[in-house]
Amino acid sequence: RFAAEGRALVLADMHREPLEALAGELKGAASIDLVDGDVATSDHR
């Protein structure tokens, strides 16, 4: 939804591969950055 609005995105989740697959299908986003890791850790934040 936000990619269709042309927004710059930071996509975060546990694993890298699903994020890369999602980024590959998104069209229109101004930019996409991926962050993988455990949301409950300070490193991820």
PDB file of all heavy atoms in Angstrom:
ATOM      1  N   ARG A   1       0.826  -1.204   0.000  1.00  0.00           N
ATOM      2  CA  ARG A   1       0.000   0.000   0.000  1.00  0.00           C
ATOM      3  C   ARG A   1       0.869   1.267   0.000  1.00  0.00           C
ATOM      4  O   ARG A   1       0.649   2.198  -0.781  1.00  0.00           O
ATOM      5  CB  ARG A   1      -0.916  -0.013   1.218  1.00  0.00           C
ATOM      6  CG  ARG A   1      -1.818   1.185   1.369  1.00  0.00           C
ATOM      7  CD  ARG A   1      -2.913   1.181   0.326  1.00  0.00           C
ATOM      8  NE  ARG A   1      -3.755   2.349   0.440  1.00  0.00           N
ATOM      9  CZ  ARG A   1      -5.082   2.312   0.568  1.00  0.00           C
ATOM     10  NH1 ARG A   1      -5.702   1.148   0.615  1.00  0.00           N
ATOM     11  NH2 ARG A   1      -5.778   3.421   0.654  1.00  0.00           N
ATOM     12  N   PHE A   2       1.861   1.312   0.863  1.00  0.00           N
ATOM     13  CA  PHE A   2       2.704   2.503   0.950  1.00  0.00           C
ATOM     14  C   PHE A   2       3.663   2.620  -0.226  1.00  0.00           C
ATOM     15  O   PHE A   2       4.010   3.731  -0.638  1.00  0.00           O
ATOM     16  CB  PHE A   2       3.453   2.523   2.275  1.00  0.00           C
ATOM     17  CG  PHE A   2       2.594   2.911   3.444  1.00  0.00           C
ATOM     18  CD1 PHE A   2       2.081   1.948   4.297  1.00  0.00           C
ATOM     19  CD2 PHE A   2       2.269   4.238   3.679  1.00  0.00           C
ATOM     20  CE1 PHE A   2       1.275   2.298   5.368  1.00  0.00           C
ATOM     21  CE2 PHE A   2       1.467   4.603   4.747  1.00  0.00           C
ATOM     22  CZ  PHE A   2       0.966   3.630   5.599  1.00  0.00           C
ATOM     23  N   ALA A   3       4.102   1.479  -0.772  1.00  0.00           N
ATOM     24  CA  ALA A   3       4.936   1.529  -1.973  1.00  0.00           C
ATOM     25  C   ALA A   3       4.167   2.146  -3.130  1.00  0.00           C
ATOM     26  O   ALA A   3       4.717   2.924  -3.924  1.00  0.00           O
ATOM     27  CB  ALA A   3       5.419   0.128  -2.338  1.00  0.00           C
ATOM     28  N   ALA A   4       2.873   1.821  -3.221  1.00  0.00           N
ATOM     29  CA  ALA A   4       2.040   2.374  -4.288  1.00  0.00           C
ATOM     30  C   ALA A   4       1.882   3.882  -4.153  1.00  0.00           C
ATOM     31  O   ALA A   4       1.592   4.567  -5.140  1.00  0.00           O
ATOM     32  CB  ALA A   4       0.669   1.699  -4.278  1.00  0.00           C
ATOM     33  N   GLU A   5       2.094   4.406  -2.946  1.00  0.00           N
ATOM     34  CA  GLU A   5       2.028   5.848  -2.733  1.00  0.00           C
ATOM     35  C   GLU A   5       3.365   6.526  -3.016  1.00  0.00           C
ATOM     36  O   GLU A   5       3.489   7.742  -2.855  1.00  0.00           O
ATOM     37  CB  GLU A   5       1.602   6.137  -1.294  1.00  0.00           C
ATOM     38  CG  GLU A   5       0.191   5.682  -0.955  1.00  0.00           C
ATOM     39  CD  GLU A   5      -0.189   6.001   0.480  1.00  0.00           C
ATOM     40  OE1 GLU A   5       0.626   6.633   1.191  1.00  0.00           O
ATOM     41  OE2 GLU A   5      -1.301   5.626   0.896  1.00  0.00           O
ATOM     42  N   GLY A   6       4.367   5.734  -3.391  1.00  0.00           N
ATOM     43  CA  GLY A   6       5.676   6.301  -3.694  1.00  0.00           C
ATOM     44  C   GLY A   6       6.496   6.650  -2.470  1.00  0.00           C
ATOM     45  O   GLY A   6       7.420   7.463  -2.552  1.00  0.00           O
ATOM     46  N   ARG A   7       6.196   6.009  -1.332  1.00  0.00           N
ATOM     47  CA  ARG A   7       6.898   6.330  -0.090  1.00  0.00           C
ATOM     48  C   ARG A   7       8.246   5.627  -0.015  1.00  0.00           C
ATOM     49  O   ARG A   7       8.423   4.519  -0.532  1.00  0.00           O
ATOM     50  CB  ARG A   7       6.052   5.917   1.113  1.00  0.00           C
ATOM     51  CG  ARG A   7       4.672   6.538   1.179  1.00  0.00           C
ATOM     52  CD  ARG A   7       4.724   8.044   1.317  1.00  0.00           C
ATOM     53  NE  ARG A   7       5.342   8.455   2.565  1.00  0.00           N
ATOM     54  CZ  ARG A   7       4.670   8.656   3.706  1.00  0.00           C
ATOM     55  NH1 ARG A   7       3.364   8.491   3.729  1.00  0.00           N
ATOM     56  NH2 ARG A   7       5.303   9.044   4.794  1.00  0.00           N
ATOM     57  N   ALA A   8       9.185   6.245   0.684  1.00  0.00           N
ATOM     58  CA  ALA A   8      10.442   5.595   1.043  1.00  0.00           C
ATOM     59  C   ALA A   8      10.149   4.636   2.188  1.00  0.00           C
ATOM     60  O   ALA A   8       9.468   5.001   3.152  1.00  0.00           O
ATOM     61  CB  ALA A   8      11.478   6.620   1.462  1.00  0.00           C
ATOM     62  N   LEU A   9      10.642   3.395   2.081  1.00  0.00           N
ATOM     63  CA  LEU A   9      10.283   2.350   3.035  1.00  0.00           C
ATOM     64  C   LEU A   9      11.495   1.789   3.766  1.00  0.00           C
ATOM     65  O   LEU A   9      12.565   1.613   3.169  1.00  0.00           O
ATOM     66  CB  LEU A   9       9.575   1.196   2.318  1.00  0.00           C
ATOM     67  CG  LEU A   9       8.324   1.509   1.506  1.00  0.00           C
ATOM     68  CD1 LEU A   9       7.822   0.247   0.825  1.00  0.00           C
ATOM     69  CD2 LEU A   9       7.242   2.107   2.398  1.00  0.00           C
ATOM     70  N   VAL A  10      11.302   1.477   5.034  1.00  0.00           N
ATOM     71  CA  VAL A  10      12.203   0.608   5.779  1.00  0.00           C
ATOM     72  C   VAL A  10      11.377  -0.606   6.168  1.00  0.00           C
ATOM     73  O   VAL A  10      10.380  -0.477   6.898  1.00  0.00           O
ATOM     74  CB  VAL A  10      12.772   1.288   7.035  1.00  0.00           C
ATOM     75  CG1 VAL A  10      13.508   0.266   7.902  1.00  0.00           C
ATOM     76  CG2 VAL A  10      13.713   2.414   6.656  1.00  0.00           C
ATOM     77  N   LEU A  11      11.739  -1.768   5.663  1.00  0.00           N
ATOM     78  CA  LEU A  11      11.012  -3.005   5.921  1.00  0.00           C
ATOM     79  C   LEU A  11      11.812  -3.850   6.901  1.00  0.00           C
ATOM     80  O   LEU A  11      12.969  -4.186   6.640  1.00  0.00           O
ATOM     81  CB  LEU A  11      10.790  -3.783   4.623  1.00  0.00           C
ATOM     82  CG  LEU A  11      10.116  -3.014   3.484  1.00  0.00           C
ATOM     83  CD1 LEU A  11       9.972  -3.912   2.262  1.00  0.00           C
ATOM     84  CD2 LEU A  11       8.761  -2.462   3.919  1.00  0.00           C
ATOM     85  N   ALA A  12      11.194  -4.206   8.016  1.00  0.00           N
ATOM     86  CA  ALA A  12      11.880  -4.957   9.063  1.00  0.00           C
ATOM     87  C   ALA A  12      11.120  -6.228   9.398  1.00  0.00           C
ATOM     88  O   ALA A  12       9.893  -6.229   9.466  1.00  0.00           O
ATOM     89  CB  ALA A  12      12.033  -4.097  10.319  1.00  0.00           C
ATOM     90  N   ASP A  13      11.876  -7.300   9.599  1.00  0.00           N
ATOM     91  CA  ASP A  13      11.284  -8.566  10.029  1.00  0.00           C
ATOM     92  C   ASP A  13      12.401  -9.494  10.479  1.00  0.00           C
ATOM     93  O   ASP A  13      13.585  -9.138  10.425  1.00  0.00           O
ATOM     94  CB  ASP A  13      10.457  -9.202   8.915  1.00  0.00           C
ATOM     95  CG  ASP A  13       9.262  -9.986   9.470  1.00  0.00           C
ATOM     96  OD1 ASP A  13       9.413 -10.618  10.529  1.00  0.00           O
ATOM     97  OD2 ASP A  13       8.191  -9.969   8.850  1.00  0.00           O
ATOM     98  N   MET A  14      12.031 -10.699  10.891  1.00  0.00           N
ATOM     99  CA  MET A  14      12.980 -11.627  11.482  1.00  0.00           C
ATOM    100  C   MET A  14      14.034 -12.111  10.490  1.00  0.00           C
ATOM    101  O   MET A  14      15.231 -12.134  10.789  1.00  0.00           O
ATOM    102  CB  MET A  14      12.227 -12.831  12.061  1.00  0.00           C
ATOM    103  CG  MET A  14      13.124 -13.872  12.711  1.00  0.00           C
ATOM    104  SD  MET A  14      13.879 -13.344  14.251  1.00  0.00           S
ATOM    105  CE  MET A  14      12.503 -13.536  15.370  1.00  0.00           C
ATOM    106  N   HIS A  15      13.584 -12.497   9.285  1.00  0.00           N
ATOM    107  CA  HIS A  15      14.490 -13.156   8.341  1.00  0.00           C
ATOM    108  C   HIS A  15      14.699 -12.334   7.068  1.00  0.00           C
ATOM    109  O   HIS A  15      13.781 -11.649   6.598  1.00  0.00           O
ATOM    110  CB  HIS A  15      13.940 -14.536   7.986  1.00  0.00           C
ATOM    111  CG  HIS A  15      13.762 -15.430   9.172  1.00  0.00           C
ATOM    112  ND1 HIS A  15      14.817 -15.875   9.937  1.00  0.00           N
ATOM    113  CD2 HIS A  15      12.633 -15.946   9.755  1.00  0.00           C
ATOM    114  CE1 HIS A  15      14.360 -16.634  10.924  1.00  0.00           C
ATOM    115  NE2 HIS A  15      13.043 -16.684  10.836  1.00  0.00           N
ATOM    116  N   ARG A  16      15.882 -12.428   6.506  1.00  0.00           N
ATOM    117  CA  ARG A  16      16.265 -11.602   5.358  1.00  0.00           C
ATOM    118  C   ARG A  16      15.592 -12.034   4.063  1.00  0.00           C
ATOM    119  O   ARG A  16      15.134 -11.200   3.282  1.00  0.00           O
ATOM    120  CB  ARG A  16      17.790 -11.682   5.180  1.00  0.00           C
ATOM    121  CG  ARG A  16      18.346 -10.736   4.113  1.00  0.00           C
ATOM    122  CD  ARG A  16      18.469  -9.355   4.654  1.00  0.00           C
ATOM    123  NE  ARG A  16      19.036  -8.426   3.689  1.00  0.00           N
ATOM    124  CZ  ARG A  16      19.294  -7.148   3.970  1.00  0.00           C
ATOM    125  NH1 ARG A  16      19.045  -6.683   5.191  1.00  0.00           N
ATOM    126  NH2 ARG A  16      19.794  -6.350   3.063  1.00  0.00           N
ATOM    127  N   GLU A  17      15.532 -13.333   3.820  1.00  0.00           N
ATOM    128  CA  GLU A  17      15.052 -13.799   2.509  1.00  0.00           C
ATOM    129  C   GLU A  17      13.615 -13.357   2.208  1.00  0.00           C
ATOM    130  O   GLU A  17      13.349 -12.880   1.094  1.00  0.00           O
ATOM    131  CB  GLU A  17      15.192 -15.321   2.407  1.00  0.00           C
ATOM    132  CG  GLU A  17      16.633 -15.780   2.251  1.00  0.00           C
ATOM    133  CD  GLU A  17      16.737 -17.267   2.012  1.00  0.00           C
ATOM    134  OE1 GLU A  17      15.679 -17.938   1.870  1.00  0.00           O
ATOM    135  OE2 GLU A  17      17.869 -17.781   1.972  1.00  0.00           O
ATOM    136  N   PRO A  18      12.662 -13.508   3.134  1.00  0.00           N
ATOM    137  CA  PRO A  18      11.307 -13.023   2.824  1.00  0.00           C
ATOM    138  C   PRO A  18      11.268 -11.515   2.576  1.00  0.00           C
ATOM    139  O   PRO A  18      10.479 -11.044   1.752  1.00  0.00           O
ATOM    140  CB  PRO A  18      10.501 -13.403   4.070  1.00  0.00           C
ATOM    141  CG  PRO A  18      11.271 -14.492   4.718  1.00  0.00           C
ATOM    142  CD  PRO A  18      12.702 -14.195   4.436  1.00  0.00           C
ATOM    143  N   LEU A  19      12.099 -10.763   3.277  1.00  0.00           N
ATOM    144  CA  LEU A  19      12.154  -9.323   3.049  1.00  0.00           C
ATOM    145  C   LEU A  19      12.658  -9.014   1.642  1.00  0.00           C
ATOM    146  O   LEU A  19      12.130  -8.132   0.952  1.00  0.00           O
ATOM    147  CB  LEU A  19      13.064  -8.658   4.083  1.00  0.00           C
ATOM    148  CG  LEU A  19      12.525  -8.537   5.507  1.00  0.00           C
ATOM    149  CD1 LEU A  19      13.601  -7.998   6.433  1.00  0.00           C
ATOM    150  CD2 LEU A  19      11.287  -7.652   5.556  1.00  0.00           C
ATOM    151  N   GLU A  20      13.687  -9.741   1.221  1.00  0.00           N
ATOM    152  CA  GLU A  20      14.229  -9.516  -0.126  1.00  0.00           C
ATOM    153  C   GLU A  20      13.208  -9.878  -1.196  1.00  0.00           C
ATOM    154  O   GLU A  20      13.091  -9.194  -2.216  1.00  0.00           O
ATOM    155  CB  GLU A  20      15.513 -10.324  -0.311  1.00  0.00           C
ATOM    156  CG  GLU A  20      16.676  -9.797   0.538  1.00  0.00           C
ATOM    157  CD  GLU A  20      17.926 -10.650   0.411  1.00  0.00           C
ATOM    158  OE1 GLU A  20      17.803 -11.822  -0.033  1.00  0.00           O
ATOM    159  OE2 GLU A  20      19.020 -10.168   0.770  1.00  0.00           O
ATOM    160  N   ALA A  21      12.458 -10.952  -0.951  1.00  0.00           N
ATOM    161  CA  ALA A  21      11.417 -11.346  -1.907  1.00  0.00           C
ATOM    162  C   ALA A  21      10.339 -10.281  -1.996  1.00  0.00           C
ATOM    163  O   ALA A  21       9.862  -9.940  -3.091  1.00  0.00           O
ATOM    164  CB  ALA A  21      10.819 -12.692  -1.498  1.00  0.00           C
ATOM    165  N   LEU A  22       9.934  -9.731  -0.856  1.00  0.00           N
ATOM    166  CA  LEU A  22       8.925  -8.678  -0.846  1.00  0.00           C
ATOM    167  C   LEU A  22       9.437  -7.437  -1.550  1.00  0.00           C
ATOM    168  O   LEU A  22       8.727  -6.846  -2.383  1.00  0.00           O
ATOM    169  CB  LEU A  22       8.537  -8.342   0.597  1.00  0.00           C
ATOM    170  CG  LEU A  22       7.573  -7.168   0.790  1.00  0.00           C
ATOM    171  CD1 LEU A  22       6.234  -7.443   0.106  1.00  0.00           C
ATOM    172  CD2 LEU A  22       7.375  -6.884   2.278  1.00  0.00           C
ATOM    173  N   ALA A  23      10.660  -7.042  -1.240  1.00  0.00           N
ATOM    174  CA  ALA A  23      11.229  -5.852  -1.884  1.00  0.00           C
ATOM    175  C   ALA A  23      11.283  -6.018  -3.390  1.00  0.00           C
ATOM    176  O   ALA A  23      11.082  -5.056  -4.144  1.00  0.00           O
ATOM    177  CB  ALA A  23      12.630  -5.577  -1.321  1.00  0.00           C
ATOM    178  N   GLY A  24      11.539  -7.247  -3.845  1.00  0.00           N
ATOM    179  CA  GLY A  24      11.632  -7.498  -5.277  1.00  0.00           C
ATOM    180  C   GLY A  24      10.337  -7.314  -6.024  1.00  0.00           C
ATOM    181  O   GLY A  24      10.338  -7.025  -7.227  1.00  0.00           O
ATOM    182  N   GLU A  25       9.219  -7.457  -5.320  1.00  0.00           N
ATOM    183  CA  GLU A  25       7.916  -7.328  -5.988  1.00  0.00           C
ATOM    184  C   GLU A  25       7.310  -5.935  -5.856  1.00  0.00           C
ATOM    185  O   GLU A  25       6.342  -5.617  -6.550  1.00  0.00           O
ATOM    186  CB  GLU A  25       6.925  -8.348  -5.431  1.00  0.00           C
ATOM    187  CG  GLU A  25       6.428  -8.058  -4.042  1.00  0.00           C
ATOM    188  CD  GLU A  25       5.323  -9.006  -3.604  1.00  0.00           C
ATOM    189  OE1 GLU A  25       5.631 -10.161  -3.267  1.00  0.00           O
ATOM    190  OE2 GLU A  25       4.161  -8.567  -3.603  1.00  0.00           O
ATOM    191  N   LEU A  26       7.872  -5.113  -4.985  1.00  0.00           N
ATOM    192  CA  LEU A  26       7.300  -3.787  -4.781  1.00  0.00           C
ATOM    193  C   LEU A  26       7.690  -2.854  -5.912  1.00  0.00           C
ATOM    194  O   LEU A  26       8.849  -2.765  -6.303  1.00  0.00           O
ATOM    195  CB  LEU A  26       7.767  -3.201  -3.443  1.00  0.00           C
ATOM    196  CG  LEU A  26       7.299  -3.928  -2.189  1.00  0.00           C
ATOM    197  CD1 LEU A  26       7.839  -3.251  -0.949  1.00  0.00           C
ATOM    198  CD2 LEU A  26       5.781  -4.022  -2.137  1.00  0.00           C
ATOM    199  N   LYS A  27       6.731  -2.141  -6.403  1.00  0.00           N
ATOM    200  CA  LYS A  27       6.952  -1.176  -7.480  1.00  0.00           C
ATOM    201  C   LYS A  27       6.502   0.199  -7.018  1.00  0.00           C
ATOM    202  O   LYS A  27       5.461   0.333  -6.371  1.00  0.00           O
ATOM    203  CB  LYS A  27       6.160  -1.568  -8.736  1.00  0.00           C
ATOM    204  CG  LYS A  27       6.382  -3.005  -9.208  1.00  0.00           C
ATOM    205  CD  LYS A  27       7.811  -3.238  -9.652  1.00  0.00           C
ATOM    206  CE  LYS A  27       7.991  -4.682 -10.150  1.00  0.00           C
ATOM    207  NZ  LYS A  27       9.395  -4.982 -10.500  1.00  0.00           N
ATOM    208  N   GLY A  28       7.267   1.192  -7.325  1.00  0.00           N
ATOM    209  CA  GLY A  28       6.858   2.565  -7.061  1.00  0.00           C
ATOM    210  C   GLY A  28       7.439   3.182  -5.815  1.00  0.00           C
ATOM    211  O   GLY A  28       7.359   4.401  -5.633  1.00  0.00           O
ATOM    212  N   ALA A  29       7.999   2.365  -4.904  1.00  0.00           N
ATOM    213  CA  ALA A  29       8.566   2.926  -3.685  1.00  0.00           C
ATOM    214  C   ALA A  29       9.739   3.836  -4.024  1.00  0.00           C
ATOM    215  O   ALA A  29      10.538   3.545  -4.921  1.00  0.00           O
ATOM    216  CB  ALA A  29       9.017   1.812  -2.751  1.00  0.00           C
ATOM    217  N   ALA A  30       9.853   4.940  -3.293  1.00  0.00           N
ATOM    218  CA  ALA A  30      10.950   5.877  -3.546  1.00  0.00           C
ATOM    219  C   ALA A  30      12.299   5.226  -3.239  1.00  0.00           C
ATOM    220  O   ALA A  30      13.286   5.437  -3.952  1.00  0.00           O
ATOM    221  CB  ALA A  30      10.764   7.122  -2.694  1.00  0.00           C
ATOM    222  N   SER A  31      12.351   4.438  -2.191  1.00  0.00           N
ATOM    223  CA  SER A  31      13.544   3.675  -1.817  1.00  0.00           C
ATOM    224  C   SER A  31      13.115   2.603  -0.845  1.00  0.00           C
ATOM    225  O   SER A  31      12.071   2.720  -0.193  1.00  0.00           O
ATOM    226  CB  SER A  31      14.618   4.569  -1.186  1.00  0.00           C
ATOM    227  OG  SER A  31      14.169   5.094   0.049  1.00  0.00           O
ATOM    228  N   ILE A  32      13.916   1.540  -0.747  1.00  0.00           N
ATOM    229  CA  ILE A  32      13.593   0.446   0.174  1.00  0.00           C
ATOM    230  C   ILE A  32      14.864   0.027   0.902  1.00  0.00           C
ATOM    231  O   ILE A  32      15.874  -0.301   0.277  1.00  0.00           O
ATOM    232  CB  ILE A  32      13.015  -0.779  -0.568  1.00  0.00           C
ATOM    233  CG1 ILE A  32      11.742  -0.403  -1.321  1.00  0.00           C
ATOM    234  CG2 ILE A  32      12.730  -1.904   0.425  1.00  0.00           C
ATOM    235  CD1 ILE A  32      11.170  -1.535  -2.155  1.00  0.00           C
ATOM    236  N   ASP A  33      14.808   0.048   2.228  1.00  0.00           N
ATOM    237  CA  ASP A  33      15.893  -0.473   3.058  1.00  0.00           C
ATOM    238  C   ASP A  33      15.352  -1.653   3.853  1.00  0.00           C
ATOM    239  O   ASP A  33      14.195  -1.620   4.315  1.00  0.00           O
ATOM    240  CB  ASP A  33      16.417   0.600   4.002  1.00  0.00           C
ATOM    241  CG  ASP A  33      17.180   1.698   3.280  1.00  0.00           C
ATOM    242  OD1 ASP A  33      18.378   1.511   3.043  1.00  0.00           O
ATOM    243  OD2 ASP A  33      16.565   2.730   2.937  1.00  0.00           O
ATOM    244  N   LEU A  34      16.168  -2.681   4.019  1.00  0.00           N
ATOM    245  CA  LEU A  34      15.747  -3.897   4.712  1.00  0.00           C
ATOM    246  C   LEU A  34      16.538  -4.058   6.007  1.00  0.00           C
ATOM    247  O   LEU A  34      17.758  -3.854   6.039  1.00  0.00           O
ATOM    248  CB  LEU A  34      15.978  -5.118   3.827  1.00  0.00           C
ATOM    249  CG  LEU A  34      15.363  -5.071   2.419  1.00  0.00           C
ATOM    250  CD1 LEU A  34      15.697  -6.352   1.661  1.00  0.00           C
ATOM    251  CD2 LEU A  34      13.861  -4.850   2.490  1.00  0.00           C
ATOM    252  N   VAL A  35      15.828  -4.442   7.070  1.00  0.00           N
ATOM    253  CA  VAL A  35      16.468  -4.693   8.355  1.00  0.00           C
ATOM    254  C   VAL A  35      15.932  -6.011   8.895  1.00  0.00           C
ATOM    255  O   VAL A  35      14.743  -6.134   9.185  1.00  0.00           O
ATOM    256  CB  VAL A  35      16.161  -3.568   9.370  1.00  0.00           C
ATOM    257  CG1 VAL A  35      16.867  -3.858  10.693  1.00  0.00           C
ATOM    258  CG2 VAL A  35      16.573  -2.214   8.819  1.00  0.00           C
ATOM    259  N   ASP A  36      16.792  -7.011   9.023  1.00  0.00           N
ATOM    260  CA  ASP A  36      16.358  -8.301   9.557  1.00  0.00           C
ATOM    261  C   ASP A  36      16.897  -8.490  10.967  1.00  0.00           C
ATOM    262  O   ASP A  36      17.973  -7.999  11.300  1.00  0.00           O
ATOM    263  CB  ASP A  36      16.812  -9.453   8.652  1.00  0.00           C
ATOM    264  CG  ASP A  36      18.315  -9.485   8.472  1.00  0.00           C
ATOM    265  OD1 ASP A  36      18.859  -8.586   7.788  1.00  0.00           O
ATOM    266  OD2 ASP A  36      18.957 -10.403   9.013  1.00  0.00           O
ATOM    267  N   GLY A  37      16.128  -9.193  11.785  1.00  0.00           N
ATOM    268  CA  GLY A  37      16.545  -9.451  13.149  1.00  0.00           C
ATOM    269  C   GLY A  37      15.357  -9.582  14.084  1.00  0.00           C
ATOM    270  O   GLY A  37      14.206  -9.393  13.688  1.00  0.00           O
ATOM    271  N   ASP A  38      15.641  -9.893  15.328  1.00  0.00           N
ATOM    272  CA  ASP A  38      14.637 -10.106  16.357  1.00  0.00           C
ATOM    273  C   ASP A  38      14.173  -8.758  16.893  1.00  0.00           C
ATOM    274  O   ASP A  38      14.954  -7.991  17.465  1.00  0.00           O
ATOM    275  CB  ASP A  38      15.234 -10.954  17.481  1.00  0.00           C
ATOM    276  CG  ASP A  38      14.229 -11.330  18.552  1.00  0.00           C
ATOM    277  OD1 ASP A  38      13.159 -10.698  18.624  1.00  0.00           O
ATOM    278  OD2 ASP A  38      14.518 -12.263  19.328  1.00  0.00           O
ATOM    279  N   VAL A  39      12.894  -8.467  16.738  1.00  0.00           N
ATOM    280  CA  VAL A  39      12.348  -7.165  17.130  1.00  0.00           C
ATOM    281  C   VAL A  39      12.511  -6.894  18.622  1.00  0.00           C
ATOM    282  O   VAL A  39      12.479  -5.736  19.057  1.00  0.00           O
ATOM    283  CB  VAL A  39      10.868  -7.074  16.721  1.00  0.00           C
ATOM    284  CG1 VAL A  39      10.010  -8.013  17.567  1.00  0.00           C
ATOM    285  CG2 VAL A  39      10.346  -5.649  16.794  1.00  0.00           C
ATOM    286  N   ALA A  40      12.701  -7.945  19.409  1.00  0.00           N
ATOM    287  CA  ALA A  40      12.813  -7.775  20.856  1.00  0.00           C
ATOM    288  C   ALA A  40      14.230  -7.462  21.319  1.00  0.00           C
ATOM    289  O   ALA A  40      14.468  -7.336  22.514  1.00  0.00           O
ATOM    290  CB  ALA A  40      12.311  -9.036  21.572  1.00  0.00           C
ATOM    291  N   THR A  41      15.172  -7.300  20.395  1.00  0.00           N
ATOM    292  CA  THR A  41      16.558  -7.039  20.769  1.00  0.00           C
ATOM    293  C   THR A  41      16.941  -5.591  20.503  1.00  0.00           C
ATOM    294  O   THR A  41      16.442  -4.961  19.570  1.00  0.00           O
ATOM    295  CB  THR A  41      17.529  -7.952  20.003  1.00  0.00           C
ATOM    296  OG1 THR A  41      17.469  -7.635  18.602  1.00  0.00           O
ATOM    297  CG2 THR A  41      17.166  -9.414  20.203  1.00  0.00           C
ATOM    298  N   SER A  42      17.874  -5.087  21.305  1.00  0.00           N
ATOM    299  CA  SER A  42      18.341  -3.709  21.121  1.00  0.00           C
ATOM    300  C   SER A  42      19.106  -3.562  19.809  1.00  0.00           C
ATOM    301  O   SER A  42      19.050  -2.502  19.171  1.00  0.00           O
ATOM    302  CB  SER A  42      19.232  -3.297  22.296  1.00  0.00           C
ATOM    303  OG  SER A  42      20.357  -4.154  22.413  1.00  0.00           O
ATOM    304  N   ASP A  43      19.808  -4.610  19.372  1.00  0.00           N
ATOM    305  CA  ASP A  43      20.535  -4.543  18.104  1.00  0.00           C
ATOM    306  C   ASP A  43      19.594  -4.278  16.939  1.00  0.00           C
ATOM    307  O   ASP A  43      19.915  -3.505  16.027  1.00  0.00           O
ATOM    308  CB  ASP A  43      21.302  -5.852  17.852  1.00  0.00           C
ATOM    309  CG  ASP A  43      22.518  -6.007  18.749  1.00  0.00           C
ATOM    310  OD1 ASP A  43      22.897  -5.011  19.406  1.00  0.00           O
ATOM    311  OD2 ASP A  43      23.078  -7.107  18.795  1.00  0.00           O
ATOM    312  N   HIS A  44      18.435  -4.911  16.962  1.00  0.00           N
ATOM    313  CA  HIS A  44      17.476  -4.729  15.882  1.00  0.00           C
ATOM    314  C   HIS A  44      16.917  -3.312  15.888  1.00  0.00           C
ATOM    315  O   HIS A  44      16.791  -2.672  14.841  1.00  0.00           O
ATOM    316  CB  HIS A  44      16.341  -5.743  16.015  1.00  0.00           C
ATOM    317  CG  HIS A  44      15.407  -5.779  14.849  1.00  0.00           C
ATOM    318  ND1 HIS A  44      15.813  -6.111  13.574  1.00  0.00           N
ATOM    319  CD2 HIS A  44      14.083  -5.504  14.744  1.00  0.00           C
ATOM    320  CE1 HIS A  44      14.792  -6.060  12.742  1.00  0.00           C
ATOM    321  NE2 HIS A  44      13.730  -5.682  13.432  1.00  0.00           N
ATOM    322  N   ARG A  45      16.594  -2.810  17.060  1.00  0.00           N
ATOM    323  CA  ARG A  45      16.099  -1.434  17.153  1.00  0.00           C
ATOM    324  C   ARG A  45      17.142  -0.441  16.656  1.00  0.00           C
ATOM    325  O   ARG A  45      16.826   0.514  15.937  1.00  0.00           O
ATOM    326  CB  ARG A  45      15.707  -1.119  18.594  1.00  0.00           C
ATOM    327  CG  ARG A  45      14.501  -1.907  19.081  1.00  0.00           C
ATOM    328  CD  ARG A  45      14.022  -1.386  20.418  1.00  0.00           C
ATOM    329  NE  ARG A  45      14.979  -1.649  21.491  1.00  0.00           N
ATOM    330  CZ  ARG A  45      15.014  -2.778  22.194  1.00  0.00           C
ATOM    331  NH1 ARG A  45      14.175  -3.766  21.918  1.00  0.00           N
ATOM    332  NH2 ARG A  45      15.873  -2.935  23.177  1.00  0.00           N
TER     333      ARG A  45
END
